[in-house]
C-alpha atoms as a PDB file:
ATOM      1  CA  UNK A   1     -23.028  19.021  12.252  1.00  0.00           C
ATOM      2  CA  UNK A   2     -20.469  17.433   9.923  1.00  0.00           C
ATOM      3  CA  UNK A   3     -18.250  19.483   7.695  1.00  0.00           C
ATOM      4  CA  UNK A   4     -19.306  17.955   4.440  1.00  0.00           C
ATOM      5  CA  UNK A   5     -17.254  20.412   2.357  1.00  0.00           C
ATOM      6  CA  UNK A   6     -14.071  19.579   4.270  1.00  0.00           C
ATOM      7  CA  UNK A   7     -14.730  15.881   3.840  1.00  0.00           C
ATOM      8  CA  UNK A   8     -15.442  16.292   0.144  1.00  0.00           C
ATOM      9  CA  UNK A   9     -12.229  18.269  -0.321  1.00  0.00           C
ATOM     10  CA  UNK A  10     -10.189  15.653   1.564  1.00  0.00           C
ATOM     11  CA  UNK A  11     -11.753  12.868  -0.542  1.00  0.00           C
ATOM     12  CA  UNK A  12     -11.087  14.730  -3.792  1.00  0.00           C
ATOM     13  CA  UNK A  13      -7.409  15.267  -2.839  1.00  0.00           C
ATOM     14  CA  UNK A  14      -6.573  12.085  -1.158  1.00  0.00           C
ATOM     15  CA  UNK A  15      -8.577   9.156  -2.737  1.00  0.00           C
ATOM     16  CA  UNK A  16      -6.416   8.626  -5.837  1.00  0.00           C
ATOM     17  CA  UNK A  17      -3.020   8.842  -3.971  1.00  0.00           C
ATOM     18  CA  UNK A  18      -4.152   6.401  -1.256  1.00  0.00           C
ATOM     19  CA  UNK A  19      -5.692   4.013  -3.785  1.00  0.00           C
ATOM     20  CA  UNK A  20      -2.512   4.117  -5.910  1.00  0.00           C
ATOM     21  CA  UNK A  21      -0.323   3.277  -2.835  1.00  0.00           C
ATOM     22  CA  UNK A  22      -2.564   0.341  -1.939  1.00  0.00           C
ATOM     23  CA  UNK A  23      -2.690  -0.757  -5.578  1.00  0.00           C
ATOM     24  CA  UNK A  24       1.124  -1.204  -5.665  1.00  0.00           C
ATOM     25  CA  UNK A  25       1.066  -2.912  -2.194  1.00  0.00           C
ATOM     26  CA  UNK A  26      -1.824  -5.301  -3.087  1.00  0.00           C
ATOM     27  CA  UNK A  27      -1.191  -5.706  -6.780  1.00  0.00           C
ATOM     28  CA  UNK A  28      -4.912  -5.125  -7.414  1.00  0.00           C
ATOM     29  CA  UNK A  29      -6.308  -1.690  -8.328  1.00  0.00           C
ATOM     30  CA  UNK A  30      -9.951  -2.643  -7.791  1.00  0.00           C
ATOM     31  CA  UNK A  31      -9.240  -4.064  -4.380  1.00  0.00           C
ATOM     32  CA  UNK A  32      -7.231  -0.968  -3.513  1.00  0.00           C
ATOM     33  CA  UNK A  33     -10.123   1.304  -4.488  1.00  0.00           C
ATOM     34  CA  UNK A  34     -12.579  -0.769  -2.472  1.00  0.00           C
ATOM     35  CA  UNK A  35     -10.397  -0.609   0.621  1.00  0.00           C
ATOM     36  CA  UNK A  36      -9.726   3.147   0.168  1.00  0.00           C
ATOM     37  CA  UNK A  37     -13.478   3.674  -0.096  1.00  0.00           C
ATOM     38  CA  UNK A  38     -14.008   1.729   3.106  1.00  0.00           C
ATOM     39  CA  UNK A  39     -11.443   3.846   4.853  1.00  0.00           C
ATOM     40  CA  UNK A  40     -13.258   7.050   3.761  1.00  0.00           C
ATOM     41  CA  UNK A  41     -16.616   5.579   4.934  1.00  0.00           C
ATOM     42  CA  UNK A  42     -15.135   4.976   8.283  1.00  0.00           C
ATOM     43  CA  UNK A  43     -13.713   8.532   8.315  1.00  0.00           C
ATOM     44  CA  UNK A  44     -17.088   9.971   7.420  1.00  0.00           C
ATOM     45  CA  UNK A  45     -18.695   8.135  10.335  1.00  0.00           C
ATOM     46  CA  UNK A  46     -16.210   9.884  12.647  1.00  0.00           C
ATOM     47  CA  UNK A  47     -15.613  13.103  10.681  1.00  0.00           C
ATOM     48  CA  UNK A  48     -16.693  15.367  13.553  1.00  0.00           C
ATOM     49  CA  UNK A  49     -13.592  14.262  15.466  1.00  0.00           C
ATOM     50  CA  UNK A  50     -11.207  13.451  12.545  1.00  0.00           C
ATOM     51  CA  UNK A  51     -11.787  16.778  10.830  1.00  0.00           C
ATOM     52  CA  UNK A  52     -10.192  18.429  13.852  1.00  0.00           C
ATOM     53  CA  UNK A  53      -6.936  16.507  13.409  1.00  0.00           C
ATOM     54  CA  UNK A  54      -3.932  18.279  12.086  1.00  0.00           C
ATOM     55  CA  UNK A  55      -3.880  15.918   9.157  1.00  0.00           C
ATOM     56  CA  UNK A  56      -7.117  13.940   8.693  1.00  0.00           C
ATOM     57  CA  UNK A  57      -5.701  12.204   5.564  1.00  0.00           C
ATOM     58  CA  UNK A  58      -3.104  10.534   7.692  1.00  0.00           C
ATOM     59  CA  UNK A  59      -5.831   8.875   9.735  1.00  0.00           C
ATOM     60  CA  UNK A  60      -7.610   7.791   6.533  1.00  0.00           C
ATOM     61  CA  UNK A  61      -4.340   6.421   5.030  1.00  0.00           C
ATOM     62  CA  UNK A  62      -3.516   4.460   8.198  1.00  0.00           C
ATOM     63  CA  UNK A  63      -6.996   2.884   8.149  1.00  0.00           C
ATOM     64  CA  UNK A  64      -6.674   2.045   4.474  1.00  0.00           C
ATOM     65  CA  UNK A  65      -3.329   0.401   4.975  1.00  0.00           C
ATOM     66  CA  UNK A  66      -4.541  -1.542   7.968  1.00  0.00           C
ATOM     67  CA  UNK A  67      -7.507  -2.773   5.914  1.00  0.00           C
ATOM     68  CA  UNK A  68      -5.132  -3.803   3.095  1.00  0.00           C
ATOM     69  CA  UNK A  69      -2.832  -5.681   5.480  1.00  0.00           C
ATOM     70  CA  UNK A  70      -5.822  -7.415   7.088  1.00  0.00           C
ATOM     71  CA  UNK A  71      -7.107  -8.367   3.651  1.00  0.00           C
ATOM     72  CA  UNK A  72      -3.673  -9.879   2.731  1.00  0.00           C
ATOM     73  CA  UNK A  73      -3.628 -11.898   5.981  1.00  0.00           C
ATOM     74  CA  UNK A  74      -7.156 -13.215   5.396  1.00  0.00           C
ATOM     75  CA  UNK A  75      -6.263 -14.063   1.799  1.00  0.00           C
ATOM     76  CA  UNK A  76      -3.186 -16.002   2.867  1.00  0.00           C
ATOM     77  CA  UNK A  77      -5.167 -17.944   5.434  1.00  0.00           C
ATOM     78  CA  UNK A  78      -7.886 -18.801   2.860  1.00  0.00           C
ATOM     79  CA  UNK A  79      -5.187 -19.834   0.325  1.00  0.00           C
ATOM     80  CA  UNK A  80      -3.616 -22.120   2.901  1.00  0.00           C
ATOM     81  CA  UNK A  81      -6.996 -23.783   3.523  1.00  0.00           C
ATOM     82  CA  UNK A  82      -8.098 -23.914  -0.085  1.00  0.00           C
ATOM     83  CA  UNK A  83      -4.811 -24.817  -1.587  1.00  0.00           C
ATOM     84  CA  UNK A  84      -5.481 -22.769  -4.668  1.00  0.00           C
ATOM     85  CA  UNK A  85      -4.564 -19.238  -5.866  1.00  0.00           C
ATOM     86  CA  UNK A  86      -7.215 -16.816  -6.933  1.00  0.00           C
ATOM     87  CA  UNK A  87      -6.108 -15.352 -10.246  1.00  0.00           C
ATOM     88  CA  UNK A  88      -7.021 -11.672 -10.731  1.00  0.00           C
ATOM     89  CA  UNK A  89      -7.162 -10.271 -14.249  1.00  0.00           C
ATOM     90  CA  UNK A  90      -4.785  -7.357 -14.535  1.00  0.00           C
ATOM     91  CA  UNK A  91      -3.539  -5.358 -17.452  1.00  0.00           C
ATOM     92  CA  UNK A  92      -0.298  -6.529 -18.911  1.00  0.00           C
ATOM     93  CA  UNK A  93       2.717  -4.655 -17.543  1.00  0.00           C
ATOM     94  CA  UNK A  94       5.732  -4.019 -19.662  1.00  0.00           C
ATOM     95  CA  UNK A  95       8.756  -6.237 -19.399  1.00  0.00           C
ATOM     96  CA  UNK A  96      10.462  -4.059 -16.749  1.00  0.00           C
ATOM     97  CA  UNK A  97       7.141  -3.809 -14.865  1.00  0.00           C
ATOM     98  CA  UNK A  98       6.888  -7.600 -14.680  1.00  0.00           C
ATOM     99  CA  UNK A  99      10.402  -7.930 -13.266  1.00  0.00           C
ATOM    100  CA  UNK A 100       9.845  -5.258 -10.730  1.00  0.00           C
ATOM    101  CA  UNK A 101       6.416  -6.489  -9.659  1.00  0.00           C
ATOM    102  CA  UNK A 102       7.837 -10.023  -9.292  1.00  0.00           C
ATOM    103  CA  UNK A 103      10.721  -8.737  -7.203  1.00  0.00           C
ATOM    104  CA  UNK A 104       8.457  -6.630  -5.005  1.00  0.00           C
ATOM    105  CA  UNK A 105       6.152  -9.607  -4.541  1.00  0.00           C
ATOM    106  CA  UNK A 106       8.970 -11.689  -3.209  1.00  0.00           C
ATOM    107  CA  UNK A 107       9.694  -9.172  -0.377  1.00  0.00           C
ATOM    108  CA  UNK A 108       8.182  -9.693   3.071  1.00  0.00           C
ATOM    109  CA  UNK A 109       5.177  -7.505   3.788  1.00  0.00           C
ATOM    110  CA  UNK A 110       7.037  -4.946   5.960  1.00  0.00           C
ATOM    111  CA  UNK A 111       9.830  -4.465   3.435  1.00  0.00           C
ATOM    112  CA  UNK A 112       7.339  -4.177   0.559  1.00  0.00           C
ATOM    113  CA  UNK A 113       5.233  -1.693   2.466  1.00  0.00           C
ATOM    114  CA  UNK A 114       8.288   0.423   3.371  1.00  0.00           C
ATOM    115  CA  UNK A 115       9.514   0.416  -0.241  1.00  0.00           C
ATOM    116  CA  UNK A 116       6.120   1.522  -1.583  1.00  0.00           C
ATOM    117  CA  UNK A 117       5.653   4.222   0.970  1.00  0.00           C
ATOM    118  CA  UNK A 118       9.242   5.576   1.025  1.00  0.00           C
ATOM    119  CA  UNK A 119      10.364   5.262  -2.611  1.00  0.00           C
ATOM    120  CA  UNK A 120       7.057   5.330  -4.614  1.00  0.00           C
ATOM    121  CA  UNK A 121       4.979   7.614  -2.394  1.00  0.00           C
ATOM    122  CA  UNK A 122       7.939   9.664  -1.192  1.00  0.00           C
ATOM    123  CA  UNK A 123       7.118   9.572   2.540  1.00  0.00           C
ATOM    124  CA  UNK A 124      10.072  10.214   4.901  1.00  0.00           C
ATOM    125  CA  UNK A 125      11.335   7.345   7.044  1.00  0.00           C
ATOM    126  CA  UNK A 126       9.745   8.906  10.144  1.00  0.00           C
ATOM    127  CA  UNK A 127       6.314   8.960   8.600  1.00  0.00           C
ATOM    128  CA  UNK A 128       6.625   5.469   7.270  1.00  0.00           C
ATOM    129  CA  UNK A 129       7.589   4.323  10.774  1.00  0.00           C
ATOM    130  CA  UNK A 130       4.585   6.041  12.256  1.00  0.00           C
ATOM    131  CA  UNK A 131       2.253   4.590   9.626  1.00  0.00           C
ATOM    132  CA  UNK A 132       3.629   1.033  10.152  1.00  0.00           C
ATOM    133  CA  UNK A 133       3.799   1.476  13.916  1.00  0.00           C
ATOM    134  CA  UNK A 134       7.343   0.553  14.201  1.00  0.00           C
ATOM    135  CA  UNK A 135      10.635   2.380  15.040  1.00  0.00           C
ATOM    136  CA  UNK A 136      12.531   4.294  12.414  1.00  0.00           C
ATOM    137  CA  UNK A 137      15.419   1.997  12.737  1.00  0.00           C
ATOM    138  CA  UNK A 138      13.123  -0.914  11.778  1.00  0.00           C
ATOM    139  CA  UNK A 139      12.065   0.982   8.624  1.00  0.00           C
ATOM    140  CA  UNK A 140      15.728   1.689   7.756  1.00  0.00           C
ATOM    141  CA  UNK A 141      16.495  -2.022   8.171  1.00  0.00           C
ATOM    142  CA  UNK A 142      13.536  -3.017   6.000  1.00  0.00           C
ATOM    143  CA  UNK A 143      14.637  -0.594   3.327  1.00  0.00           C
ATOM    144  CA  UNK A 144      18.239  -1.800   3.446  1.00  0.00           C
ATOM    145  CA  UNK A 145      17.231  -5.419   3.166  1.00  0.00           C
ATOM    146  CA  UNK A 146      14.674  -4.691   0.514  1.00  0.00           C
ATOM    147  CA  UNK A 147      17.272  -2.830  -1.624  1.00  0.00           C
ATOM    148  CA  UNK A 148      19.655  -5.782  -1.416  1.00  0.00           C
ATOM    149  CA  UNK A 149      16.867  -8.351  -2.213  1.00  0.00           C
ATOM    150  CA  UNK A 150      15.614  -6.242  -5.099  1.00  0.00           C
ATOM    151  CA  UNK A 151      19.174  -5.747  -6.456  1.00  0.00           C
ATOM    152  CA  UNK A 152      19.732  -9.531  -6.328  1.00  0.00           C
ATOM    153  CA  UNK A 153      16.376 -10.311  -7.953  1.00  0.00           C
ATOM    154  CA  UNK A 154      16.844  -7.745 -10.721  1.00  0.00           C
ATOM    155  CA  UNK A 155      20.545  -8.344 -11.284  1.00  0.00           C
ATOM    156  CA  UNK A 156      19.952 -11.198 -13.694  1.00  0.00           C
ATOM    157  CA  UNK A 157      17.112  -9.445 -15.445  1.00  0.00           C
ATOM    158  CA  UNK A 158      17.969  -8.749 -19.077  1.00  0.00           C
ATOM    159  CA  UNK A 159      15.730  -7.259 -21.715  1.00  0.00           C
ATOM    160  CA  UNK A 160      14.676  -9.913 -24.141  1.00  0.00           C
ATOM    161  CA  UNK A 161      15.153  -8.864 -27.752  1.00  0.00           C
ATOM    162  CA  UNK A 162      11.972  -8.908 -29.899  1.00  0.00           C
END
């Protein structure tokens, strides 16, 4: 029998943080919510086993991130074949938000993922490495390169007077 209370508690505690992480990674809150929901559906199907893990949320987070990365790959392939960009309506970010979003978008996937998980979510390098299935040294390199790319991208940003 499944531990429905344990699953409900995990869902209540983890859905928003995971969806928020994916939202920054994907740049689309609705898509992030959909993928987070899919990860929880997959967890529920295996909850008898996953509930015994030391940290079931880590399994769900990994599945959600894998789904997001797969979605990005499929989107890039489709864009290459279609030759057009799908425009998603998003709320208008502030001036600083636009500059930061654009700078993050220019980073390679690994670097962007490491920045989001380490600096925005607050995960230690070791956990980011485990989640990304790479060595800690790789994550450190990604973060180093991302900091330099972001610094260069944001160096020329100046607030426009109104």
